PDB file of N, CA and C in Angstrom:
ATOM      1  N   MET A   1     116.126  89.640 103.276  1.00  0.00           N
ATOM      2  CA  MET A   1     116.214  89.986 104.233  1.00  0.00           C
ATOM      3  C   MET A   1     115.394  89.257 105.822  1.00  0.00           C
ATOM      4  N   ARG A   2     115.476  88.806 106.563  1.00  0.00           N
ATOM      5  CA  ARG A   2     115.137  88.508 107.113  1.00  0.00           C
ATOM      6  C   ARG A   2     114.616  88.838 108.377  1.00  0.00           C
ATOM      7  N   LEU A   3     112.666  89.281 108.814  1.00  0.00           N
ATOM      8  CA  LEU A   3     112.161  90.231 109.944  1.00  0.00           C
ATOM      9  C   LEU A   3     113.099  89.490 110.927  1.00  0.00           C
ATOM     10  N   LYS A   4     113.659  89.733 111.911  1.00  0.00           N
ATOM     11  CA  LYS A   4     113.905  89.418 113.212  1.00  0.00           C
ATOM     12  C   LYS A   4     112.706  88.783 114.361  1.00  0.00           C
ATOM     13  N   MET A   5     111.821  88.473 114.469  1.00  0.00           N
ATOM     14  CA  MET A   5     111.264  88.103 115.632  1.00  0.00           C
ATOM     15  C   MET A   5     111.534  88.320 117.091  1.00  0.00           C
ATOM     16  N   LEU A   6     110.755  89.572 117.898  1.00  0.00           N
ATOM     17  CA  LEU A   6     111.513  89.381 118.692  1.00  0.00           C
ATOM     18  C   LEU A   6     110.152  88.574 119.697  1.00  0.00           C
ATOM     19  N   GLN A   7     110.787  88.544 120.931  1.00  0.00           N
ATOM     20  CA  GLN A   7     109.802  87.984 121.852  1.00  0.00           C
ATOM     21  C   GLN A   7     109.275  89.286 123.137  1.00  0.00           C
ATOM     22  N   PRO A   8     108.452  89.718 123.653  1.00  0.00           N
ATOM     23  CA  PRO A   8     108.747  90.458 124.833  1.00  0.00           C
ATOM     24  C   PRO A   8     109.056  89.976 125.820  1.00  0.00           C
ATOM     25  N   SER A   9     109.993  90.155 126.884  1.00  0.00           N
ATOM     26  CA  SER A   9     110.471  89.219 127.783  1.00  0.00           C
ATOM     27  C   SER A   9     110.579  90.903 129.352  1.00  0.00           C
ATOM     28  N   ALA A  10     109.991  89.670 130.706  1.00  0.00           N
ATOM     29  CA  ALA A  10     110.138  90.531 131.817  1.00  0.00           C
ATOM     30  C   ALA A  10     111.855  90.896 131.906  1.00  0.00           C
ATOM     31  N   VAL A  11     112.708  90.588 131.046  1.00  0.00           N
ATOM     32  CA  VAL A  11     114.031  91.110 131.422  1.00  0.00           C
ATOM     33  C   VAL A  11     114.256  92.921 130.563  1.00  0.00           C
ATOM     34  N   ASN A  12     114.019  92.186 129.287  1.00  0.00           N
ATOM     35  CA  ASN A  12     113.888  93.857 128.443  1.00  0.00           C
ATOM     36  C   ASN A  12     112.632  93.642 127.570  1.00  0.00           C
ATOM     37  N   PRO A  13     112.081  94.903 128.999  1.00  0.00           N
ATOM     38  CA  PRO A  13     111.180  94.986 128.380  1.00  0.00           C
ATOM     39  C   PRO A  13     110.428  96.365 126.768  1.00  0.00           C
ATOM     40  N   SER A  14     111.618  96.600 126.805  1.00  0.00           N
ATOM     41  CA  SER A  14     111.487  97.643 126.034  1.00  0.00           C
ATOM     42  C   SER A  14     110.901  97.354 124.485  1.00  0.00           C
ATOM     43  N   LYS A  15     111.581  95.490 124.333  1.00  0.00           N
ATOM     44  CA  LYS A  15     111.388  95.603 122.472  1.00  0.00           C
ATOM     45  C   LYS A  15     110.491  95.059 122.718  1.00  0.00           C
ATOM     46  N   LYS A  16     109.768  94.916 121.396  1.00  0.00           N
ATOM     47  CA  LYS A  16     108.739  95.022 120.700  1.00  0.00           C
ATOM     48  C   LYS A  16     108.495  93.381 120.084  1.00  0.00           C
ATOM     49  N   SER A  17     107.192  92.806 120.396  1.00  0.00           N
ATOM     50  CA  SER A  17     107.421  91.360 118.949  1.00  0.00           C
ATOM     51  C   SER A  17     106.719  92.928 117.295  1.00  0.00           C
ATOM     52  N   TRP A  18     107.196  91.739 116.004  1.00  0.00           N
ATOM     53  CA  TRP A  18     106.802  92.151 114.893  1.00  0.00           C
ATOM     54  C   TRP A  18     105.867  92.422 114.840  1.00  0.00           C
ATOM     55  N   VAL A  19     104.195  91.381 115.752  1.00  0.00           N
ATOM     56  CA  VAL A  19     102.820  91.670 115.242  1.00  0.00           C
ATOM     57  C   VAL A  19     102.874  93.420 115.996  1.00  0.00           C
ATOM     58  N   GLU A  20     103.700  93.872 117.137  1.00  0.00           N
ATOM     59  CA  GLU A  20     103.215  95.032 118.012  1.00  0.00           C
ATOM     60  C   GLU A  20     103.847  96.138 117.135  1.00  0.00           C
ATOM     61  N   VAL A  21     104.524  95.916 116.482  1.00  0.00           N
ATOM     62  CA  VAL A  21     105.192  96.889 115.553  1.00  0.00           C
ATOM     63  C   VAL A  21     104.503  97.319 114.068  1.00  0.00           C
ATOM     64  N   MET A  22     103.730  95.876 114.118  1.00  0.00           N
ATOM     65  CA  MET A  22     102.857  95.934 112.415  1.00  0.00           C
ATOM     66  C   MET A  22     101.468  96.641 112.430  1.00  0.00           C
ATOM     67  N   ALA A  23     100.705  96.180 113.918  1.00  0.00           N
ATOM     68  CA  ALA A  23      99.505  97.072 114.347  1.00  0.00           C
ATOM     69  C   ALA A  23      99.698  98.785 114.145  1.00  0.00           C
ATOM     70  N   ASN A  24     101.102  99.333 114.820  1.00  0.00           N
ATOM     71  CA  ASN A  24     101.103 100.853 114.502  1.00  0.00           C
ATOM     72  C   ASN A  24     101.229 101.205 113.575  1.00  0.00           C
ATOM     73  N   ALA A  25     102.031 100.008 112.217  1.00  0.00           N
ATOM     74  CA  ALA A  25     102.019 101.357 111.353  1.00  0.00           C
ATOM     75  C   ALA A  25     100.951 101.745 110.181  1.00  0.00           C
ATOM     76  N   LYS A  26     101.001 102.511 109.282  1.00  0.00           N
ATOM     77  CA  LYS A  26     100.291 102.936 109.128  1.00  0.00           C
ATOM     78  C   LYS A  26     100.767 102.093 107.955  1.00  0.00           C
ATOM     79  N   THR A  27      99.315 102.167 106.744  1.00  0.00           N
ATOM     80  CA  THR A  27      99.099 100.635 105.740  1.00  0.00           C
ATOM     81  C   THR A  27      98.459 101.332 104.562  1.00  0.00           C
ATOM     82  N   ILE A  28      98.451 101.250 103.697  1.00  0.00           N
ATOM     83  CA  ILE A  28      97.841 101.630 102.715  1.00  0.00           C
ATOM     84  C   ILE A  28      97.542 100.099 101.413  1.00  0.00           C
ATOM     85  N   LYS A  29      96.019 100.705 100.857  1.00  0.00           N
ATOM     86  CA  LYS A  29      95.552  99.352 100.114  1.00  0.00           C
ATOM     87  C   LYS A  29      95.733  99.361  99.099  1.00  0.00           C
ATOM     88  N   VAL A  30      96.805  98.719  97.889  1.00  0.00           N
ATOM     89  CA  VAL A  30      96.988  99.351  96.763  1.00  0.00           C
ATOM     90  C   VAL A  30      96.469  97.094  95.882  1.00  0.00           C
ATOM     91  N   THR A  31      95.129  98.172  94.567  1.00  0.00           N
ATOM     92  CA  THR A  31      94.713  97.311  93.721  1.00  0.00           C
ATOM     93  C   THR A  31      95.492  96.678  92.504  1.00  0.00           C
ATOM     94  N   LEU A  32      95.730  96.113  91.362  1.00  0.00           N
ATOM     95  CA  LEU A  32      96.070  96.179  90.114  1.00  0.00           C
ATOM     96  C   LEU A  32      95.111  95.879  89.586  1.00  0.00           C
ATOM     97  N   THR A  33      94.526  97.683  88.328  1.00  0.00           N
ATOM     98  CA  THR A  33      93.912  97.812  87.387  1.00  0.00           C
ATOM     99  C   THR A  33      94.186  97.674  86.671  1.00  0.00           C
ATOM    100  N   ARG A  34      95.654  96.341  85.510  1.00  0.00           N
ATOM    101  CA  ARG A  34      95.709  96.606  84.569  1.00  0.00           C
ATOM    102  C   ARG A  34      96.549  95.558  84.200  1.00  0.00           C
ATOM    103  N   SER A  35      97.389  94.853  83.339  1.00  0.00           N
ATOM    104  CA  SER A  35      97.729  93.965  83.163  1.00  0.00           C
ATOM    105  C   SER A  35      99.287  94.265  83.143  1.00  0.00           C
ATOM    106  N   PRO A  36     100.144  93.970  83.768  1.00  0.00           N
ATOM    107  CA  PRO A  36     101.265  93.482  83.791  1.00  0.00           C
ATOM    108  C   PRO A  36     102.484  93.789  82.633  1.00  0.00           C
ATOM    109  N   ILE A  37     101.951  92.168  81.404  1.00  0.00           N
ATOM    110  CA  ILE A  37     102.239  92.233  80.611  1.00  0.00           C
ATOM    111  C   ILE A  37     102.934  92.793  79.323  1.00  0.00           C
ATOM    112  N   GLY A  38     103.876  93.430  79.097  1.00  0.00           N
ATOM    113  CA  GLY A  38     103.896  94.472  77.975  1.00  0.00           C
ATOM    114  C   GLY A  38     105.039  95.115  78.321  1.00  0.00           C
ATOM    115  N   CYS A  39     105.225  95.114  80.157  1.00  0.00           N
ATOM    116  CA  CYS A  39     105.640  96.672  79.689  1.00  0.00           C
ATOM    117  C   CYS A  39     106.968  96.144  80.613  1.00  0.00           C
ATOM    118  N   GLN A  40     107.914  97.113  80.983  1.00  0.00           N
ATOM    119  CA  GLN A  40     109.344  96.852  81.104  1.00  0.00           C
ATOM    120  C   GLN A  40     109.466  96.224  82.319  1.00  0.00           C
ATOM    121  N   PRO A  41     110.000  94.711  82.774  1.00  0.00           N
ATOM    122  CA  PRO A  41     110.670  94.278  83.098  1.00  0.00           C
ATOM    123  C   PRO A  41     110.291  93.796  84.456  1.00  0.00           C
ATOM    124  N   LYS A  42     111.346  95.765  84.993  1.00  0.00           N
ATOM    125  CA  LYS A  42     111.658  96.420  86.353  1.00  0.00           C
ATOM    126  C   LYS A  42     109.991  96.270  87.162  1.00  0.00           C
ATOM    127  N   HIS A  43     109.345  96.561  85.692  1.00  0.00           N
ATOM    128  CA  HIS A  43     108.002  97.593  86.552  1.00  0.00           C
ATOM    129  C   HIS A  43     107.596  95.919  86.164  1.00  0.00           C
ATOM    130  N   LYS A  44     107.854  94.886  85.941  1.00  0.00           N
ATOM    131  CA  LYS A  44     106.825  93.901  86.258  1.00  0.00           C
ATOM    132  C   LYS A  44     106.978  93.460  88.101  1.00  0.00           C
ATOM    133  N   LEU A  45     108.328  93.574  88.119  1.00  0.00           N
ATOM    134  CA  LEU A  45     109.000  93.162  89.316  1.00  0.00           C
ATOM    135  C   LEU A  45     109.008  94.215  90.134  1.00  0.00           C
ATOM    136  N   CYS A  46     108.640  95.041  90.278  1.00  0.00           N
ATOM    137  CA  CYS A  46     107.708  95.904  91.305  1.00  0.00           C
ATOM    138  C   CYS A  46     106.260  95.374  91.484  1.00  0.00           C
ATOM    139  N   VAL A  47     105.349  95.161  90.518  1.00  0.00           N
ATOM    140  CA  VAL A  47     104.071  94.661  91.142  1.00  0.00           C
ATOM    141  C   VAL A  47     104.435  93.445  91.570  1.00  0.00           C
ATOM    142  N   LYS A  48     105.200  92.630  91.136  1.00  0.00           N
ATOM    143  CA  LYS A  48     104.847  91.287  92.355  1.00  0.00           C
ATOM    144  C   LYS A  48     105.936  91.726  93.388  1.00  0.00           C
ATOM    145  N   GLY A  49     107.149  92.510  93.765  1.00  0.00           N
ATOM    146  CA  GLY A  49     107.370  93.055  95.014  1.00  0.00           C
ATOM    147  C   GLY A  49     106.051  93.012  95.940  1.00  0.00           C
ATOM    148  N   LEU A  50     105.325  93.732  95.671  1.00  0.00           N
ATOM    149  CA  LEU A  50     104.404  94.568  95.613  1.00  0.00           C
ATOM    150  C   LEU A  50     103.045  93.169  96.845  1.00  0.00           C
ATOM    151  N   GLY A  51     103.024  92.163  95.757  1.00  0.00           N
ATOM    152  CA  GLY A  51     102.678  91.187  96.304  1.00  0.00           C
ATOM    153  C   GLY A  51     101.099  91.377  95.591  1.00  0.00           C
ATOM    154  N   LEU A  52     101.121  91.291  94.171  1.00  0.00           N
ATOM    155  CA  LEU A  52      99.873  92.023  93.590  1.00  0.00           C
ATOM    156  C   LEU A  52     100.565  90.982  92.604  1.00  0.00           C
ATOM    157  N   ARG A  53      99.270  89.760  91.959  1.00  0.00           N
ATOM    158  CA  ARG A  53      98.918  88.566  91.084  1.00  0.00           C
ATOM    159  C   ARG A  53      98.461  88.536  90.241  1.00  0.00           C
ATOM    160  N   LYS A  54      96.887  89.129  90.452  1.00  0.00           N
ATOM    161  CA  LYS A  54      96.055  88.752  88.802  1.00  0.00           C
ATOM    162  C   LYS A  54      95.231  90.596  88.844  1.00  0.00           C
ATOM    163  N   ILE A  55      94.892  90.306  88.072  1.00  0.00           N
ATOM    164  CA  ILE A  55      94.356  92.019  88.083  1.00  0.00           C
ATOM    165  C   ILE A  55      93.368  91.904  89.146  1.00  0.00           C
ATOM    166  N   GLY A  56      92.498  93.133  90.009  1.00  0.00           N
ATOM    167  CA  GLY A  56      91.400  93.015  90.489  1.00  0.00           C
ATOM    168  C   GLY A  56      91.778  92.437  92.313  1.00  0.00           C
ATOM    169  N   HIS A  57      93.346  92.224  92.306  1.00  0.00           N
ATOM    170  CA  HIS A  57      93.740  91.718  93.796  1.00  0.00           C
ATOM    171  C   HIS A  57      94.654  92.749  94.632  1.00  0.00           C
ATOM    172  N   THR A  58      93.765  92.927  95.850  1.00  0.00           N
ATOM    173  CA  THR A  58      93.822  93.730  96.588  1.00  0.00           C
ATOM    174  C   THR A  58      94.929  93.272  97.734  1.00  0.00           C
ATOM    175  N   VAL A  59      95.953  93.810  98.071  1.00  0.00           N
ATOM    176  CA  VAL A  59      96.570  93.698  99.434  1.00  0.00           C
ATOM    177  C   VAL A  59      97.231  95.423  99.594  1.00  0.00           C
ATOM    178  N   GLU A  60      97.551  95.123 100.889  1.00  0.00           N
ATOM    179  CA  GLU A  60      97.527  96.279 102.579  1.00  0.00           C
ATOM    180  C   GLU A  60      98.914  96.086 102.446  1.00  0.00           C
ATOM    181  N   VAL A  61      99.557  96.630 102.887  1.00  0.00           N
ATOM    182  CA  VAL A  61     101.118  96.928 102.249  1.00  0.00           C
ATOM    183  C   VAL A  61     101.677  97.759 103.727  1.00  0.00           C
ATOM    184  N   GLU A  62     102.692  98.357 104.630  1.00  0.00           N
ATOM    185  CA  GLU A  62     102.795  99.268 105.068  1.00  0.00           C
ATOM    186  C   GLU A  62     104.010 100.929 104.371  1.00  0.00           C
ATOM    187  N   ASP A  63     103.077 101.227 104.837  1.00  0.00           N
ATOM    188  CA  ASP A  63     103.314 102.679 104.004  1.00  0.00           C
ATOM    189  C   ASP A  63     105.085 102.723 104.698  1.00  0.00           C
ATOM    190  N   THR A  64     106.343 102.647 103.552  1.00  0.00           N
ATOM    191  CA  THR A  64     107.133 103.088 103.367  1.00  0.00           C
ATOM    192  C   THR A  64     107.877 104.012 102.671  1.00  0.00           C
ATOM    193  N   PRO A  65     108.722 104.870 102.638  1.00  0.00           N
ATOM    194  CA  PRO A  65     109.177 105.234 101.273  1.00  0.00           C
ATOM    195  C   PRO A  65     109.689 104.321  99.881  1.00  0.00           C
ATOM    196  N   SER A  66     110.351 103.172 100.789  1.00  0.00           N
ATOM    197  CA  SER A  66     110.613 101.765  99.733  1.00  0.00           C
ATOM    198  C   SER A  66     109.193 101.607  98.727  1.00  0.00           C
ATOM    199  N   ILE A  67     108.199 101.619  99.515  1.00  0.00           N
ATOM    200  CA  ILE A  67     107.185 100.587  98.633  1.00  0.00           C
ATOM    201  C   ILE A  67     105.578 101.867  98.292  1.00  0.00           C
ATOM    202  N   ARG A  68     106.028 103.387  98.475  1.00  0.00           N
ATOM    203  CA  ARG A  68     106.337 104.734  97.883  1.00  0.00           C
ATOM    204  C   ARG A  68     106.358 104.591  96.669  1.00  0.00           C
ATOM    205  N   GLY A  69     107.702 104.240  96.343  1.00  0.00           N
ATOM    206  CA  GLY A  69     108.752 104.141  95.043  1.00  0.00           C
ATOM    207  C   GLY A  69     108.249 103.071  94.332  1.00  0.00           C
ATOM    208  N   MET A  70     107.696 101.897  94.534  1.00  0.00           N
ATOM    209  CA  MET A  70     107.263 101.023  93.967  1.00  0.00           C
ATOM    210  C   MET A  70     106.087 101.121  93.349  1.00  0.00           C
ATOM    211  N   ILE A  71     105.416 101.723  94.292  1.00  0.00           N
ATOM    212  CA  ILE A  71     103.662 102.010  93.698  1.00  0.00           C
ATOM    213  C   ILE A  71     104.538 103.919  92.801  1.00  0.00           C
ATOM    214  N   ASN A  72     105.076 104.614  93.261  1.00  0.00           N
ATOM    215  CA  ASN A  72     105.096 105.528  91.970  1.00  0.00           C
ATOM    216  C   ASN A  72     105.917 104.861  90.037  1.00  0.00           C
ATOM    217  N   ARG A  73     106.424 103.913  90.634  1.00  0.00           N
ATOM    218  CA  ARG A  73     107.646 103.231  89.165  1.00  0.00           C
ATOM    219  C   ARG A  73     105.260 102.594  88.532  1.00  0.00           C
ATOM    220  N   VAL A  74     104.633 101.975  89.310  1.00  0.00           N
ATOM    221  CA  VAL A  74     103.772 101.689  88.485  1.00  0.00           C
ATOM    222  C   VAL A  74     102.631 101.964  88.812  1.00  0.00           C
ATOM    223  N   ASN A  75     102.266 103.138  88.318  1.00  0.00           N
ATOM    224  CA  ASN A  75     101.332 104.125  88.958  1.00  0.00           C
ATOM    225  C   ASN A  75     100.708 104.033  88.234  1.00  0.00           C
ATOM    226  N   TYR A  76     100.347 103.722  86.408  1.00  0.00           N
ATOM    227  CA  TYR A  76      99.647 102.495  85.563  1.00  0.00           C
ATOM    228  C   TYR A  76      99.281 101.997  85.375  1.00  0.00           C
ATOM    229  N   LEU A  77      99.479 101.497  86.839  1.00  0.00           N
ATOM    230  CA  LEU A  77      99.027  99.707  86.426  1.00  0.00           C
ATOM    231  C   LEU A  77      98.475  99.457  87.595  1.00  0.00           C
ATOM    232  N   VAL A  78      98.323 100.103  89.150  1.00  0.00           N
ATOM    233  CA  VAL A  78      97.902 100.417  90.615  1.00  0.00           C
ATOM    234  C   VAL A  78      96.823 101.296  90.872  1.00  0.00           C
ATOM    235  N   GLN A  79      96.196 101.024  91.761  1.00  0.00           N
ATOM    236  CA  GLN A  79      95.111 101.848  92.244  1.00  0.00           C
ATOM    237  C   GLN A  79      94.984 102.031  93.900  1.00  0.00           C
ATOM    238  N   VAL A  80      95.457 102.915  94.329  1.00  0.00           N
ATOM    239  CA  VAL A  80      96.213 103.130  96.078  1.00  0.00           C
ATOM    240  C   VAL A  80      94.649 103.566  96.420  1.00  0.00           C
ATOM    241  N   GLU A  81      94.598 103.229  97.640  1.00  0.00           N
ATOM    242  CA  GLU A  81      93.683 103.950  98.397  1.00  0.00           C
ATOM    243  C   GLU A  81      94.855 104.005 100.047  1.00  0.00           C
ATOM    244  N   GLU A  82      94.810 105.051 100.976  1.00  0.00           N
ATOM    245  CA  GLU A  82      95.002 104.979 101.752  1.00  0.00           C
ATOM    246  C   GLU A  82      94.450 104.948 102.629  1.00  0.00           C
ATOM    247  N   ASN A  83      94.667 104.252 104.295  1.00  0.00           N
ATOM    248  CA  ASN A  83      94.026 104.202 105.167  1.00  0.00           C
ATOM    249  C   ASN A  83      93.658 105.818 106.623  1.00  0.00           C
TER     250      ASN A  83
END
């Protein structure tokens, strides 16, 4: 799925750019604390989907139900900090 970049225009000022939408969204900091080696393949995919690469790597992701579900699935591998 590609995100459609909307340029604000004088014709349609109600459209917001992707940057403006992300600036207003709540975010969560997620840190990988344990290795996904030996975990179920679905759990490894969740770690990859969150954008985590190495132990100690921290990413800031948007707080959505789908992200919360991925975090819940691999809660024994990650540490979560809400902003």
